[in-house]
């Protein structure tokens, strides 16, 4: 039974999402980075998690090509704008 769970793609994505959450938490609690740099890293990890969720759990991976392109473009534009706004603020 455990072997089947480990081979399940969605389970592995869930483990990756939890791992990224733990990495974010560790960065916040123990990294010696400048505050702005740390914020950018956390935002990048958050948008990577959004991408994983959309592709694997909302099935944009199997959507029409234009839907996938629209989502990837949205992620890049909104993510970039949020990071730029964070750095300027």
PDB file of N, CA and C in Angstrom:
ATOM      1  N   UNK A   1       0.825  -1.201   0.000  1.00  0.00           N
ATOM      2  CA  UNK A   1       0.000   0.000   0.000  1.00  0.00           C
ATOM      3  C   UNK A   1       0.866   1.261   0.000  1.00  0.00           C
ATOM      4  N   UNK A   2       1.907   1.286   0.817  1.00  0.00           N
ATOM      5  CA  UNK A   2       2.762   2.465   0.904  1.00  0.00           C
ATOM      6  C   UNK A   2       3.480   2.725  -0.412  1.00  0.00           C
ATOM      7  N   UNK A   3       3.865   1.670  -1.106  1.00  0.00           N
ATOM      8  CA  UNK A   3       4.545   1.813  -2.385  1.00  0.00           C
ATOM      9  C   UNK A   3       3.640   2.485  -3.406  1.00  0.00           C
ATOM     10  N   UNK A   4       2.353   2.136  -3.400  1.00  0.00           N
ATOM     11  CA  UNK A   4       1.409   2.761  -4.323  1.00  0.00           C
ATOM     12  C   UNK A   4       1.234   4.247  -4.026  1.00  0.00           C
ATOM     13  N   UNK A   5       1.228   4.609  -2.764  1.00  0.00           N
ATOM     14  CA  UNK A   5       1.074   6.013  -2.384  1.00  0.00           C
ATOM     15  C   UNK A   5       2.291   6.813  -2.838  1.00  0.00           C
ATOM     16  N   UNK A   6       3.476   6.240  -2.690  1.00  0.00           N
ATOM     17  CA  UNK A   6       4.694   6.943  -3.073  1.00  0.00           C
ATOM     18  C   UNK A   6       4.785   7.144  -4.579  1.00  0.00           C
ATOM     19  N   UNK A   7       4.135   6.292  -5.360  1.00  0.00           N
ATOM     20  CA  UNK A   7       4.156   6.421  -6.814  1.00  0.00           C
ATOM     21  C   UNK A   7       3.080   7.362  -7.332  1.00  0.00           C
ATOM     22  N   UNK A   8       2.117   7.694  -6.502  1.00  0.00           N
ATOM     23  CA  UNK A   8       1.027   8.569  -6.917  1.00  0.00           C
ATOM     24  C   UNK A   8       1.565   9.982  -7.150  1.00  0.00           C
ATOM     25  N   UNK A   9       1.358  10.497  -8.349  1.00  0.00           N
ATOM     26  CA  UNK A   9       1.903  11.797  -8.734  1.00  0.00           C
ATOM     27  C   UNK A   9       1.360  12.926  -7.857  1.00  0.00           C
ATOM     28  N   UNK A  10       0.071  12.902  -7.569  1.00  0.00           N
ATOM     29  CA  UNK A  10      -0.514  13.964  -6.752  1.00  0.00           C
ATOM     30  C   UNK A  10       0.022  13.940  -5.324  1.00  0.00           C
ATOM     31  N   UNK A  11       0.276  12.745  -4.810  1.00  0.00           N
ATOM     32  CA  UNK A  11       0.861  12.642  -3.475  1.00  0.00           C
ATOM     33  C   UNK A  11       2.257  13.254  -3.464  1.00  0.00           C
ATOM     34  N   UNK A  12       3.026  12.989  -4.508  1.00  0.00           N
ATOM     35  CA  UNK A  12       4.374  13.553  -4.582  1.00  0.00           C
ATOM     36  C   UNK A  12       4.331  15.078  -4.707  1.00  0.00           C
ATOM     37  N   UNK A  13       3.355  15.586  -5.438  1.00  0.00           N
ATOM     38  CA  UNK A  13       3.197  17.043  -5.542  1.00  0.00           C
ATOM     39  C   UNK A  13       2.825  17.616  -4.181  1.00  0.00           C
ATOM     40  N   UNK A  14       1.948  16.940  -3.459  1.00  0.00           N
ATOM     41  CA  UNK A  14       1.573  17.386  -2.120  1.00  0.00           C
ATOM     42  C   UNK A  14       2.788  17.414  -1.194  1.00  0.00           C
ATOM     43  N   UNK A  15       3.617  16.389  -1.269  1.00  0.00           N
ATOM     44  CA  UNK A  15       4.837  16.358  -0.461  1.00  0.00           C
ATOM     45  C   UNK A  15       5.757  17.519  -0.848  1.00  0.00           C
ATOM     46  N   UNK A  16       5.856  17.801  -2.147  1.00  0.00           N
ATOM     47  CA  UNK A  16       6.673  18.934  -2.600  1.00  0.00           C
ATOM     48  C   UNK A  16       6.121  20.252  -2.059  1.00  0.00           C
ATOM     49  N   UNK A  17       4.798  20.409  -2.086  1.00  0.00           N
ATOM     50  CA  UNK A  17       4.182  21.632  -1.559  1.00  0.00           C
ATOM     51  C   UNK A  17       4.466  21.792  -0.064  1.00  0.00           C
ATOM     52  N   UNK A  18       4.357  20.704   0.664  1.00  0.00           N
ATOM     53  CA  UNK A  18       4.664  20.763   2.099  1.00  0.00           C
ATOM     54  C   UNK A  18       6.136  21.066   2.329  1.00  0.00           C
ATOM     55  N   UNK A  19       7.001  20.483   1.504  1.00  0.00           N
ATOM     56  CA  UNK A  19       8.434  20.750   1.609  1.00  0.00           C
ATOM     57  C   UNK A  19       8.764  22.209   1.338  1.00  0.00           C
ATOM     58  N   UNK A  20       8.132  22.782   0.323  1.00  0.00           N
ATOM     59  CA  UNK A  20       8.358  24.195   0.011  1.00  0.00           C
ATOM     60  C   UNK A  20       7.862  25.078   1.152  1.00  0.00           C
ATOM     61  N   UNK A  21       6.749  24.696   1.763  1.00  0.00           N
ATOM     62  CA  UNK A  21       6.244  25.442   2.917  1.00  0.00           C
ATOM     63  C   UNK A  21       7.249  25.394   4.062  1.00  0.00           C
ATOM     64  N   UNK A  22       7.821  24.228   4.297  1.00  0.00           N
ATOM     65  CA  UNK A  22       8.823  24.097   5.362  1.00  0.00           C
ATOM     66  C   UNK A  22      10.076  24.916   5.044  1.00  0.00           C
ATOM     67  N   UNK A  23      10.502  24.911   3.788  1.00  0.00           N
ATOM     68  CA  UNK A  23      11.665  25.706   3.393  1.00  0.00           C
ATOM     69  C   UNK A  23      11.387  27.191   3.625  1.00  0.00           C
ATOM     70  N   UNK A  24      10.185  27.639   3.284  1.00  0.00           N
ATOM     71  CA  UNK A  24       9.808  29.039   3.522  1.00  0.00           C
ATOM     72  C   UNK A  24       9.890  29.368   5.005  1.00  0.00           C
ATOM     73  N   UNK A  25       9.354  28.486   5.804  1.00  0.00           N
ATOM     74  CA  UNK A  25       9.361  28.703   7.244  1.00  0.00           C
ATOM     75  C   UNK A  25      10.795  28.740   7.782  1.00  0.00           C
ATOM     76  N   UNK A  26      11.640  27.826   7.296  1.00  0.00           N
ATOM     77  CA  UNK A  26      13.035  27.812   7.743  1.00  0.00           C
ATOM     78  C   UNK A  26      13.773  29.078   7.317  1.00  0.00           C
ATOM     79  N   UNK A  27      13.501  29.546   6.097  1.00  0.00           N
ATOM     80  CA  UNK A  27      14.121  30.795   5.653  1.00  0.00           C
ATOM     81  C   UNK A  27      13.745  31.942   6.577  1.00  0.00           C
ATOM     82  N   UNK A  28      12.481  32.024   6.925  1.00  0.00           N
ATOM     83  CA  UNK A  28      12.018  33.125   7.770  1.00  0.00           C
ATOM     84  C   UNK A  28      12.641  33.045   9.163  1.00  0.00           C
ATOM     85  N   UNK A  29      12.736  31.835   9.694  1.00  0.00           N
ATOM     86  CA  UNK A  29      13.181  31.707  11.078  1.00  0.00           C
ATOM     87  C   UNK A  29      14.695  31.700  11.250  1.00  0.00           C
ATOM     88  N   UNK A  30      15.458  31.326  10.214  1.00  0.00           N
ATOM     89  CA  UNK A  30      16.885  31.180  10.469  1.00  0.00           C
ATOM     90  C   UNK A  30      17.814  31.735   9.395  1.00  0.00           C
ATOM     91  N   UNK A  31      17.312  32.255   8.307  1.00  0.00           N
ATOM     92  CA  UNK A  31      18.199  32.745   7.251  1.00  0.00           C
ATOM     93  C   UNK A  31      18.791  34.094   7.624  1.00  0.00           C
ATOM     94  N   UNK A  32      20.027  34.294   7.230  1.00  0.00           N
ATOM     95  CA  UNK A  32      20.703  35.563   7.490  1.00  0.00           C
ATOM     96  C   UNK A  32      20.689  36.438   6.243  1.00  0.00           C
ATOM     97  N   UNK A  33      19.556  36.488   5.579  1.00  0.00           N
ATOM     98  CA  UNK A  33      19.421  37.307   4.383  1.00  0.00           C
ATOM     99  C   UNK A  33      18.857  38.668   4.749  1.00  0.00           C
ATOM    100  N   UNK A  34      19.099  39.624   3.873  1.00  0.00           N
ATOM    101  CA  UNK A  34      18.493  40.938   4.040  1.00  0.00           C
ATOM    102  C   UNK A  34      16.979  40.779   3.937  1.00  0.00           C
ATOM    103  N   UNK A  35      16.247  41.649   4.620  1.00  0.00           N
ATOM    104  CA  UNK A  35      14.788  41.519   4.679  1.00  0.00           C
ATOM    105  C   UNK A  35      14.148  41.522   3.294  1.00  0.00           C
ATOM    106  N   UNK A  36      14.594  42.406   2.415  1.00  0.00           N
ATOM    107  CA  UNK A  36      14.022  42.475   1.061  1.00  0.00           C
ATOM    108  C   UNK A  36      14.330  41.203   0.279  1.00  0.00           C
ATOM    109  N   UNK A  37      15.538  40.704   0.395  1.00  0.00           N
ATOM    110  CA  UNK A  37      15.908  39.473  -0.313  1.00  0.00           C
ATOM    111  C   UNK A  37      15.078  38.301   0.177  1.00  0.00           C
ATOM    112  N   UNK A  38      14.889  38.230   1.467  1.00  0.00           N
ATOM    113  CA  UNK A  38      14.087  37.161   2.045  1.00  0.00           C
ATOM    114  C   UNK A  38      12.647  37.240   1.557  1.00  0.00           C
ATOM    115  N   UNK A  39      12.105  38.440   1.487  1.00  0.00           N
ATOM    116  CA  UNK A  39      10.746  38.621   0.982  1.00  0.00           C
ATOM    117  C   UNK A  39      10.603  38.176  -0.458  1.00  0.00           C
ATOM    118  N   UNK A  40      11.591  38.479  -1.284  1.00  0.00           N
ATOM    119  CA  UNK A  40      11.553  38.070  -2.691  1.00  0.00           C
ATOM    120  C   UNK A  40      11.610  36.551  -2.804  1.00  0.00           C
ATOM    121  N   UNK A  41      12.463  35.918  -2.013  1.00  0.00           N
ATOM    122  CA  UNK A  41      12.560  34.452  -2.042  1.00  0.00           C
ATOM    123  C   UNK A  41      11.230  33.825  -1.646  1.00  0.00           C
ATOM    124  N   UNK A  42      10.597  34.346  -0.612  1.00  0.00           N
ATOM    125  CA  UNK A  42       9.316  33.810  -0.149  1.00  0.00           C
ATOM    126  C   UNK A  42       8.241  34.001  -1.215  1.00  0.00           C
ATOM    127  N   UNK A  43       8.217  35.161  -1.862  1.00  0.00           N
ATOM    128  CA  UNK A  43       7.239  35.387  -2.934  1.00  0.00           C
ATOM    129  C   UNK A  43       7.475  34.452  -4.118  1.00  0.00           C
ATOM    130  N   UNK A  44       8.721  34.225  -4.481  1.00  0.00           N
ATOM    131  CA  UNK A  44       9.022  33.294  -5.573  1.00  0.00           C
ATOM    132  C   UNK A  44       8.561  31.878  -5.233  1.00  0.00           C
ATOM    133  N   UNK A  45       8.816  31.458  -4.008  1.00  0.00           N
ATOM    134  CA  UNK A  45       8.360  30.131  -3.583  1.00  0.00           C
ATOM    135  C   UNK A  45       6.833  30.054  -3.587  1.00  0.00           C
ATOM    136  N   UNK A  46       6.175  31.119  -3.174  1.00  0.00           N
ATOM    137  CA  UNK A  46       4.708  31.130  -3.156  1.00  0.00           C
ATOM    138  C   UNK A  46       4.146  31.015  -4.567  1.00  0.00           C
ATOM    139  N   UNK A  47       4.722  31.740  -5.512  1.00  0.00           N
ATOM    140  CA  UNK A  47       4.212  31.646  -6.877  1.00  0.00           C
ATOM    141  C   UNK A  47       4.545  30.307  -7.516  1.00  0.00           C
ATOM    142  N   UNK A  48       5.649  29.699  -7.124  1.00  0.00           N
ATOM    143  CA  UNK A  48       5.941  28.352  -7.607  1.00  0.00           C
ATOM    144  C   UNK A  48       4.901  27.366  -7.069  1.00  0.00           C
ATOM    145  N   UNK A  49       4.486  27.552  -5.812  1.00  0.00           N
ATOM    146  CA  UNK A  49       3.438  26.703  -5.247  1.00  0.00           C
ATOM    147  C   UNK A  49       2.108  26.906  -5.970  1.00  0.00           C
ATOM    148  N   UNK A  50       1.783  28.149  -6.306  1.00  0.00           N
ATOM    149  CA  UNK A  50       0.558  28.423  -7.070  1.00  0.00           C
ATOM    150  C   UNK A  50       0.599  27.686  -8.396  1.00  0.00           C
ATOM    151  N   UNK A  51       1.751  27.715  -9.046  1.00  0.00           N
ATOM    152  CA  UNK A  51       1.905  27.035 -10.337  1.00  0.00           C
ATOM    153  C   UNK A  51       1.719  25.525 -10.183  1.00  0.00           C
ATOM    154  N   UNK A  52       2.331  24.938  -9.154  1.00  0.00           N
ATOM    155  CA  UNK A  52       2.170  23.497  -8.922  1.00  0.00           C
ATOM    156  C   UNK A  52       0.709  23.133  -8.681  1.00  0.00           C
ATOM    157  N   UNK A  53       0.024  23.924  -7.878  1.00  0.00           N
ATOM    158  CA  UNK A  53      -1.383  23.644  -7.580  1.00  0.00           C
ATOM    159  C   UNK A  53      -2.231  23.744  -8.836  1.00  0.00           C
ATOM    160  N   UNK A  54      -2.020  24.787  -9.617  1.00  0.00           N
ATOM    161  CA  UNK A  54      -2.825  24.963 -10.831  1.00  0.00           C
ATOM    162  C   UNK A  54      -2.568  23.855 -11.846  1.00  0.00           C
ATOM    163  N   UNK A  55      -1.330  23.468 -12.003  1.00  0.00           N
ATOM    164  CA  UNK A  55      -1.008  22.459 -13.010  1.00  0.00           C
ATOM    165  C   UNK A  55      -1.491  21.079 -12.590  1.00  0.00           C
ATOM    166  N   UNK A  56      -1.284  20.716 -11.336  1.00  0.00           N
ATOM    167  CA  UNK A  56      -1.559  19.341 -10.926  1.00  0.00           C
ATOM    168  C   UNK A  56      -2.940  19.128 -10.313  1.00  0.00           C
ATOM    169  N   UNK A  57      -3.469  20.112  -9.605  1.00  0.00           N
ATOM    170  CA  UNK A  57      -4.753  19.913  -8.947  1.00  0.00           C
ATOM    171  C   UNK A  57      -5.912  20.571  -9.692  1.00  0.00           C
ATOM    172  N   UNK A  58      -5.621  21.600 -10.483  1.00  0.00           N
ATOM    173  CA  UNK A  58      -6.668  22.244 -11.273  1.00  0.00           C
ATOM    174  C   UNK A  58      -6.586  21.812 -12.733  1.00  0.00           C
ATOM    175  N   UNK A  59      -5.645  20.963 -13.024  1.00  0.00           N
ATOM    176  CA  UNK A  59      -5.482  20.307 -14.324  1.00  0.00           C
ATOM    177  C   UNK A  59      -5.307  21.273 -15.485  1.00  0.00           C
ATOM    178  N   UNK A  60      -4.595  22.365 -15.264  1.00  0.00           N
ATOM    179  CA  UNK A  60      -4.287  23.228 -16.400  1.00  0.00           C
ATOM    180  C   UNK A  60      -3.252  22.587 -17.313  1.00  0.00           C
ATOM    181  N   UNK A  61      -2.587  21.547 -16.839  1.00  0.00           N
ATOM    182  CA  UNK A  61      -1.627  20.838 -17.689  1.00  0.00           C
ATOM    183  C   UNK A  61      -2.329  20.170 -18.866  1.00  0.00           C
ATOM    184  N   UNK A  62      -3.590  19.773 -18.677  1.00  0.00           N
ATOM    185  CA  UNK A  62      -4.326  19.101 -19.752  1.00  0.00           C
ATOM    186  C   UNK A  62      -5.306  20.044 -20.445  1.00  0.00           C
ATOM    187  N   UNK A  63      -5.265  21.313 -20.104  1.00  0.00           N
ATOM    188  CA  UNK A  63      -6.164  22.288 -20.729  1.00  0.00           C
ATOM    189  C   UNK A  63      -5.642  22.648 -22.120  1.00  0.00           C
ATOM    190  N   UNK A  64      -6.455  23.391 -22.843  1.00  0.00           N
ATOM    191  CA  UNK A  64      -6.027  23.857 -24.160  1.00  0.00           C
ATOM    192  C   UNK A  64      -4.755  24.686 -24.023  1.00  0.00           C
ATOM    193  N   UNK A  65      -3.982  24.696 -25.065  1.00  0.00           N
ATOM    194  CA  UNK A  65      -2.700  25.398 -25.042  1.00  0.00           C
ATOM    195  C   UNK A  65      -2.868  26.878 -24.683  1.00  0.00           C
ATOM    196  N   UNK A  66      -3.903  27.516 -25.207  1.00  0.00           N
ATOM    197  CA  UNK A  66      -4.107  28.939 -24.909  1.00  0.00           C
ATOM    198  C   UNK A  66      -4.413  29.178 -23.430  1.00  0.00           C
ATOM    199  N   UNK A  67      -5.139  28.258 -22.817  1.00  0.00           N
ATOM    200  CA  UNK A  67      -5.427  28.380 -21.381  1.00  0.00           C
ATOM    201  C   UNK A  67      -4.129  28.265 -20.590  1.00  0.00           C
ATOM    202  N   UNK A  68      -3.302  27.321 -20.957  1.00  0.00           N
ATOM    203  CA  UNK A  68      -2.019  27.130 -20.267  1.00  0.00           C
ATOM    204  C   UNK A  68      -1.127  28.352 -20.459  1.00  0.00           C
ATOM    205  N   UNK A  69      -1.067  28.866 -21.682  1.00  0.00           N
ATOM    206  CA  UNK A  69      -0.252  30.058 -21.947  1.00  0.00           C
ATOM    207  C   UNK A  69      -0.787  31.254 -21.160  1.00  0.00           C
ATOM    208  N   UNK A  70      -2.109  31.395 -21.114  1.00  0.00           N
ATOM    209  CA  UNK A  70      -2.712  32.498 -20.359  1.00  0.00           C
ATOM    210  C   UNK A  70      -2.375  32.383 -18.875  1.00  0.00           C
ATOM    211  N   UNK A  71      -2.451  31.174 -18.326  1.00  0.00           N
ATOM    212  CA  UNK A  71      -2.130  30.996 -16.912  1.00  0.00           C
ATOM    213  C   UNK A  71      -0.663  31.291 -16.636  1.00  0.00           C
ATOM    214  N   UNK A  72       0.233  30.761 -17.466  1.00  0.00           N
ATOM    215  CA  UNK A  72       1.667  30.989 -17.253  1.00  0.00           C
ATOM    216  C   UNK A  72       1.998  32.475 -17.377  1.00  0.00           C
ATOM    217  N   UNK A  73       1.363  33.145 -18.331  1.00  0.00           N
ATOM    218  CA  UNK A  73       1.582  34.583 -18.497  1.00  0.00           C
ATOM    219  C   UNK A  73       1.063  35.344 -17.288  1.00  0.00           C
ATOM    220  N   UNK A  74      -0.137  34.972 -16.823  1.00  0.00           N
ATOM    221  CA  UNK A  74      -0.702  35.611 -15.636  1.00  0.00           C
ATOM    222  C   UNK A  74       0.248  35.442 -14.449  1.00  0.00           C
ATOM    223  N   UNK A  75       0.751  34.230 -14.249  1.00  0.00           N
ATOM    224  CA  UNK A  75       1.656  33.979 -13.133  1.00  0.00           C
ATOM    225  C   UNK A  75       2.918  34.815 -13.210  1.00  0.00           C
ATOM    226  N   UNK A  76       3.489  34.913 -14.407  1.00  0.00           N
ATOM    227  CA  UNK A  76       4.713  35.698 -14.571  1.00  0.00           C
ATOM    228  C   UNK A  76       4.453  37.188 -14.361  1.00  0.00           C
ATOM    229  N   UNK A  77       3.367  37.693 -14.933  1.00  0.00           N
ATOM    230  CA  UNK A  77       3.072  39.129 -14.828  1.00  0.00           C
ATOM    231  C   UNK A  77       2.691  39.505 -13.400  1.00  0.00           C
ATOM    232  N   UNK A  78       1.765  38.776 -12.818  1.00  0.00           N
ATOM    233  CA  UNK A  78       1.320  39.105 -11.455  1.00  0.00           C
ATOM    234  C   UNK A  78       2.449  38.882 -10.454  1.00  0.00           C
ATOM    235  N   UNK A  79       3.168  37.786 -10.605  1.00  0.00           N
ATOM    236  CA  UNK A  79       4.298  37.537  -9.710  1.00  0.00           C
ATOM    237  C   UNK A  79       5.358  38.613  -9.826  1.00  0.00           C
ATOM    238  N   UNK A  80       5.684  38.984 -11.059  1.00  0.00           N
ATOM    239  CA  UNK A  80       6.670  40.040 -11.266  1.00  0.00           C
ATOM    240  C   UNK A  80       6.220  41.373 -10.704  1.00  0.00           C
ATOM    241  N   UNK A  81       4.937  41.688 -10.890  1.00  0.00           N
ATOM    242  CA  UNK A  81       4.413  42.954 -10.368  1.00  0.00           C
ATOM    243  C   UNK A  81       4.410  42.965  -8.841  1.00  0.00           C
ATOM    244  N   UNK A  82       4.085  41.834  -8.237  1.00  0.00           N
ATOM    245  CA  UNK A  82       4.090  41.780  -6.770  1.00  0.00           C
ATOM    246  C   UNK A  82       5.503  41.932  -6.219  1.00  0.00           C
ATOM    247  N   UNK A  83       6.456  41.277  -6.864  1.00  0.00           N
ATOM    248  CA  UNK A  83       7.844  41.394  -6.408  1.00  0.00           C
ATOM    249  C   UNK A  83       8.352  42.815  -6.619  1.00  0.00           C
ATOM    250  N   UNK A  84       8.048  43.393  -7.767  1.00  0.00           N
ATOM    251  CA  UNK A  84       8.458  44.772  -8.035  1.00  0.00           C
ATOM    252  C   UNK A  84       7.824  45.731  -7.028  1.00  0.00           C
ATOM    253  N   UNK A  85       6.531  45.545  -6.758  1.00  0.00           N
ATOM    254  CA  UNK A  85       5.861  46.381  -5.768  1.00  0.00           C
ATOM    255  C   UNK A  85       6.458  46.219  -4.384  1.00  0.00           C
ATOM    256  N   UNK A  86       6.823  45.000  -4.040  1.00  0.00           N
ATOM    257  CA  UNK A  86       7.440  44.744  -2.739  1.00  0.00           C
ATOM    258  C   UNK A  86       8.798  45.440  -2.639  1.00  0.00           C
ATOM    259  N   UNK A  87       9.577  45.357  -3.715  1.00  0.00           N
ATOM    260  CA  UNK A  87      10.901  45.971  -3.690  1.00  0.00           C
ATOM    261  C   UNK A  87      10.834  47.499  -3.689  1.00  0.00           C
ATOM    262  N   UNK A  88       9.819  48.050  -4.319  1.00  0.00           N
ATOM    263  CA  UNK A  88       9.682  49.508  -4.370  1.00  0.00           C
ATOM    264  C   UNK A  88       9.067  50.076  -3.092  1.00  0.00           C
ATOM    265  N   UNK A  89       8.321  49.247  -2.367  1.00  0.00           N
ATOM    266  CA  UNK A  89       7.613  49.717  -1.177  1.00  0.00           C
ATOM    267  C   UNK A  89       8.436  49.778   0.057  1.00  0.00           C
TER     268      UNK A  89
END
